[in-house]
């Protein structure tokens, strides 16, 4: 189930990015949202979760960005945040939305600042804010719908997951 979720989200990122213009109101981060969805399927095995996350981020680097290990470490950091947030938040859809919002804001802010530091772009608050709110709209809807689908499939086929989500 974990691999299916990751691959589906990874491919969906590519398809949506291909179909929508770069300045669209809907910027997909399906791969990032999938890290939230798959965490309960590791049943508390954080070491394996971090390995999957790093490899997935490395693949994301190779296919979509051509920046070796940048997104691998950024996804790993996001996975660390996910594990900490799920410890303090209860298991419901509202908290899924909260975690998604926190991750997207952190992800966009950190990646924007690192790209700014390397000199690839000049700093502009408007671009940063547009990247954040454009990512939030689509990905919150995606997180809720995809969690409902994966929970239904898990229940139907008796796939074990921890109590988170």
Protein backbone atom coordinates (compact mmCIF):
# COMPACT_ATOMS: atom_id res chain seq x y z
CA UNK A 1 0.00 0.00 0.00
CA UNK A 2 2.87 2.39 0.85
CA UNK A 3 4.51 1.97 -2.54
CA UNK A 4 1.20 2.42 -4.36
CA UNK A 5 0.49 5.67 -2.50
CA UNK A 6 3.97 7.03 -3.19
CA UNK A 7 4.01 6.07 -6.87
CA UNK A 8 0.49 7.35 -7.50
CA UNK A 9 1.25 10.70 -5.85
CA UNK A 10 4.59 10.96 -7.63
CA UNK A 11 2.99 10.39 -11.03
CA UNK A 12 0.11 12.72 -10.22
CA UNK A 13 2.61 15.51 -9.47
CA UNK A 14 4.11 15.07 -12.91
CA UNK A 15 0.79 14.83 -14.74
CA UNK A 16 -0.73 17.88 -13.07
CA UNK A 17 2.47 19.91 -13.52
CA UNK A 18 2.43 19.02 -17.21
CA UNK A 19 -1.24 19.93 -17.69
CA UNK A 20 -1.36 23.15 -15.67
CA UNK A 21 0.78 26.24 -16.33
CA UNK A 22 3.51 27.07 -13.82
CA UNK A 23 1.68 30.22 -12.66
CA UNK A 24 -1.55 28.30 -12.05
CA UNK A 25 -3.64 28.68 -8.92
CA UNK A 26 -3.16 24.95 -8.23
CA UNK A 27 0.43 23.90 -7.54
CA UNK A 28 0.61 20.20 -6.71
CA UNK A 29 2.68 18.81 -3.89
CA UNK A 30 1.04 15.39 -3.96
CA UNK A 31 4.35 13.71 -3.16
CA UNK A 32 4.68 15.74 0.02
CA UNK A 33 1.08 15.03 1.05
CA UNK A 34 1.65 11.31 0.43
CA UNK A 35 4.28 11.35 3.20
CA UNK A 36 1.51 12.24 5.64
CA UNK A 37 -0.80 9.54 4.28
CA UNK A 38 1.79 6.71 4.39
CA UNK A 39 3.09 7.34 7.90
CA UNK A 40 0.47 5.17 9.66
CA UNK A 41 1.33 2.22 7.37
CA UNK A 42 4.76 1.98 8.97
CA UNK A 43 3.18 1.11 12.34
CA UNK A 44 5.67 3.10 14.37
CA UNK A 45 8.77 1.96 12.44
CA UNK A 46 10.29 5.41 11.97
CA UNK A 47 13.60 4.10 10.64
CA UNK A 48 11.93 2.50 7.62
CA UNK A 49 9.70 5.55 7.17
CA UNK A 50 12.75 7.81 7.02
CA UNK A 51 14.47 5.47 4.54
CA UNK A 52 11.43 5.48 2.24
CA UNK A 53 11.15 9.23 2.54
CA UNK A 54 14.80 9.86 1.71
CA UNK A 55 14.74 7.52 -1.29
CA UNK A 56 11.49 9.05 -2.48
CA UNK A 57 12.93 12.56 -2.14
CA UNK A 58 16.04 11.47 -4.04
CA UNK A 59 13.85 10.12 -6.84
CA UNK A 60 11.91 13.39 -6.82
CA UNK A 61 15.24 15.21 -7.21
CA UNK A 62 16.30 13.09 -10.16
CA UNK A 63 13.03 13.16 -12.10
CA UNK A 64 11.53 16.59 -11.41
CA UNK A 65 14.19 19.02 -10.24
CA UNK A 66 17.74 17.98 -11.24
CA UNK A 67 18.99 19.03 -7.80
CA UNK A 68 20.73 16.08 -6.25
CA UNK A 69 19.82 15.41 -2.61
CA UNK A 70 18.20 18.83 -2.03
CA UNK A 71 14.66 17.46 -1.95
CA UNK A 72 15.83 14.17 -0.45
CA UNK A 73 16.93 16.01 2.68
CA UNK A 74 13.98 18.39 2.55
CA UNK A 75 11.53 15.44 2.37
CA UNK A 76 13.44 13.78 5.22
CA UNK A 77 13.03 16.92 7.32
CA UNK A 78 9.31 17.02 6.45
CA UNK A 79 9.01 13.38 7.54
CA UNK A 80 10.61 14.31 10.86
CA UNK A 81 8.03 17.09 11.29
CA UNK A 82 5.22 14.64 10.42
CA UNK A 83 6.36 12.18 13.09
CA UNK A 84 6.50 14.93 15.71
CA UNK A 85 3.14 16.46 14.79
CA UNK A 86 1.34 13.11 14.85
CA UNK A 87 2.53 12.60 18.41
CA UNK A 88 0.73 15.69 19.66
CA UNK A 89 -2.31 15.81 17.39
CA UNK A 90 -5.28 13.49 17.55
CA UNK A 91 -6.33 11.36 14.61
CA UNK A 92 -8.97 13.20 12.59
CA UNK A 93 -9.42 14.97 9.29
CA UNK A 94 -9.09 18.44 10.80
CA UNK A 95 -5.62 17.58 12.09
CA UNK A 96 -4.74 16.08 8.71
CA UNK A 97 -5.55 19.48 7.19
CA UNK A 98 -3.52 21.22 9.91
CA UNK A 99 -0.49 19.00 9.29
CA UNK A 100 -0.84 19.52 5.54
CA UNK A 101 -0.96 23.30 5.96
CA UNK A 102 2.07 23.32 8.27
CA UNK A 103 4.09 21.10 5.94
CA UNK A 104 3.27 23.07 2.81
CA UNK A 105 4.14 26.39 4.45
CA UNK A 106 7.42 24.97 5.81
CA UNK A 107 8.26 23.22 2.54
CA UNK A 108 7.64 26.30 0.39
CA UNK A 109 9.41 28.62 2.84
CA UNK A 110 12.52 26.43 3.27
CA UNK A 111 12.86 25.64 -0.43
CA UNK A 112 12.34 29.31 -1.37
CA UNK A 113 14.92 30.53 1.16
CA UNK A 114 17.49 27.93 0.04
CA UNK A 115 16.96 28.83 -3.62
CA UNK A 116 17.33 32.51 -2.67
CA UNK A 117 20.55 31.82 -0.73
CA UNK A 118 22.07 30.01 -3.72
CA UNK A 119 21.39 33.10 -5.82
CA UNK A 120 18.94 31.53 -8.28
CA UNK A 121 16.17 34.05 -7.52
CA UNK A 122 15.81 37.44 -5.86
CA UNK A 123 13.69 37.60 -2.75
CA UNK A 124 10.08 38.64 -3.25
CA UNK A 125 7.38 38.12 -0.60
CA UNK A 126 4.66 38.04 -3.24
CA UNK A 127 6.19 35.06 -5.03
CA UNK A 128 6.64 33.19 -1.74
CA UNK A 129 3.06 33.87 -0.63
CA UNK A 130 1.62 32.94 -4.04
CA UNK A 131 3.56 29.66 -3.93
CA UNK A 132 2.14 28.90 -0.49
CA UNK A 133 -1.53 29.70 -1.10
CA UNK A 134 -1.50 28.10 -4.54
CA UNK A 135 -0.16 24.92 -3.01
CA UNK A 136 -2.63 24.93 -0.13
CA UNK A 137 -5.84 24.95 -2.17
CA UNK A 138 -5.18 21.84 -4.25
CA UNK A 139 -3.24 19.84 -1.68
CA UNK A 140 -5.73 20.13 1.17
CA UNK A 141 -8.44 18.75 -1.10
CA UNK A 142 -6.06 16.04 -2.31
CA UNK A 143 -5.10 15.07 1.27
CA UNK A 144 -8.70 14.67 2.43
CA UNK A 145 -9.87 12.75 -0.63
CA UNK A 146 -6.81 10.52 -0.80
CA UNK A 147 -7.00 9.72 2.92
CA UNK A 148 -10.66 8.76 2.56
CA UNK A 149 -9.80 6.47 -0.35
CA UNK A 150 -6.81 4.84 1.35
CA UNK A 151 -8.76 4.34 4.58
CA UNK A 152 -11.59 2.70 2.62
CA UNK A 153 -9.16 0.40 0.77
CA UNK A 154 -7.31 -0.44 3.99
CA UNK A 155 -10.54 -1.33 5.75
CA UNK A 156 -11.88 -3.32 2.82
CA UNK A 157 -8.71 -5.39 2.36
CA UNK A 158 -7.78 -5.46 6.06
CA UNK A 159 -4.45 -3.66 5.60
CA UNK A 160 -2.91 -2.86 8.94
CA UNK A 161 -2.00 0.66 9.89
CA UNK A 162 -1.38 2.41 13.17
CA UNK A 163 -4.07 4.46 14.81
CA UNK A 164 -2.86 7.68 13.19
CA UNK A 165 -5.47 8.82 10.69
